[in-house]
Protein backbone atom coordinates (compact mmCIF):
# COMPACT_ATOMS: atom_id res chain seq x y z
CA GLN A 1 -3.08 0.20 11.50
CA TRP A 2 0.39 0.76 12.87
CA ARG A 3 1.42 0.88 16.48
CA ASP A 4 4.38 2.62 18.00
CA LEU A 5 5.94 0.20 20.46
CA GLY A 6 7.39 3.24 22.16
CA ASP A 7 3.86 3.88 23.42
CA VAL A 8 3.31 0.30 24.58
CA ALA A 9 6.65 -0.96 25.91
CA PRO A 10 6.78 1.54 28.80
CA LEU A 11 3.48 0.18 30.07
CA GLY A 12 5.04 -3.25 30.57
CA TRP A 13 8.24 -1.91 32.11
CA PRO A 14 7.34 1.30 33.94
CA ARG A 15 10.66 1.36 35.81
CA LEU A 16 12.51 1.55 32.50
CA ALA A 17 10.11 4.03 30.94
CA GLY A 18 11.62 7.04 32.66
CA ARG A 19 15.07 6.47 31.21
CA LEU A 20 14.28 4.91 27.85
CA SER A 21 12.85 6.76 24.89
CA GLY A 22 12.73 5.73 21.30
CA LEU A 23 13.43 2.50 19.52
CA ASP A 24 17.20 2.63 19.97
CA ASP A 25 16.97 2.78 23.77
CA TRP A 26 14.45 -0.07 23.96
CA LEU A 27 16.52 -2.24 21.62
CA GLU A 28 19.59 -1.66 23.75
CA ALA A 29 17.70 -2.42 26.99
CA PHE A 30 16.67 -5.83 25.65
CA ALA A 31 20.01 -6.50 23.93
CA ILE A 32 18.36 -6.69 20.52
CA PRO A 33 21.16 -6.38 17.97
CA MET A 34 20.94 -3.72 15.28
CA GLN A 35 23.33 -3.95 12.37
CA PHE A 36 21.84 -1.03 10.49
CA ARG A 37 19.45 1.64 11.67
CA HIS A 38 17.00 3.67 9.64
CA ARG A 39 16.77 1.12 6.87
CA ALA A 40 13.25 -0.18 6.43
CA ILE A 41 13.94 -3.91 6.65
CA ALA A 42 16.36 -3.60 9.59
CA ASP A 43 13.97 -1.37 11.54
CA CYS A 44 11.13 -3.77 10.79
CA LEU A 45 13.12 -6.73 12.09
CA ALA A 46 14.17 -4.87 15.24
CA THR A 47 10.59 -3.74 15.87
CA ALA A 48 9.33 -7.31 15.43
CA GLN A 49 11.91 -8.55 17.93
CA LEU A 50 10.82 -5.87 20.40
CA LEU A 51 7.19 -6.87 19.85
CA LEU A 52 8.16 -10.44 20.79
CA MET A 53 9.39 -9.03 24.10
CA VAL A 54 6.19 -7.01 24.65
CA LEU A 55 3.63 -9.70 23.75
CA PRO A 56 4.23 -11.98 26.79
CA HIS A 57 3.51 -8.97 29.03
CA ALA A 58 0.44 -7.80 27.13
CA SER A 59 -2.05 -9.50 29.45
CA SER A 60 -0.40 -8.09 32.56
CA ILE A 61 -0.78 -4.54 31.19
CA GLY A 62 -4.44 -5.05 30.35
CA ALA A 63 -4.18 -5.99 26.68
CA PRO A 64 -4.63 -9.75 26.20
CA THR A 65 -5.61 -9.35 22.53
CA ALA A 66 -4.07 -7.49 19.62
CA GLY A 67 -7.10 -5.19 19.47
CA GLU A 68 -6.72 -4.29 23.14
CA LEU A 69 -3.00 -3.66 22.60
CA VAL A 70 -3.95 -1.21 19.84
CA ALA A 71 -6.48 0.50 22.13
CA LEU A 72 -3.96 0.64 24.97
CA SER A 73 -1.40 2.20 22.64
CA ASP A 74 -3.94 4.81 21.58
CA SER A 75 -4.90 5.64 25.17
CA SER A 76 -1.25 5.78 26.23
CA ARG A 77 -0.49 8.27 23.47
CA TRP A 78 -3.49 10.36 24.52
CA LEU A 79 -2.55 10.26 28.20
CA SER A 80 1.06 11.23 27.52
CA ARG A 81 -0.14 14.40 25.76
CA ALA A 82 -2.37 15.46 28.66
């Protein structure tokens, strides 16, 4: 399964969520450098670095395990459509 960190990251930083959207904004907010965008390996590396920022906050947003992070991502996506 894949997860969109754009669904999960706002849960850990709700104050940033209103002004950040998409991977580029989140990378900039955390000063994660991006040499190239929209190249598979570069996007993968950037996403992994963003995940390293999200994981320490996972318990505080109700997702202490990877499975719960997946479920939280799914519910966040569903709630954002409602």
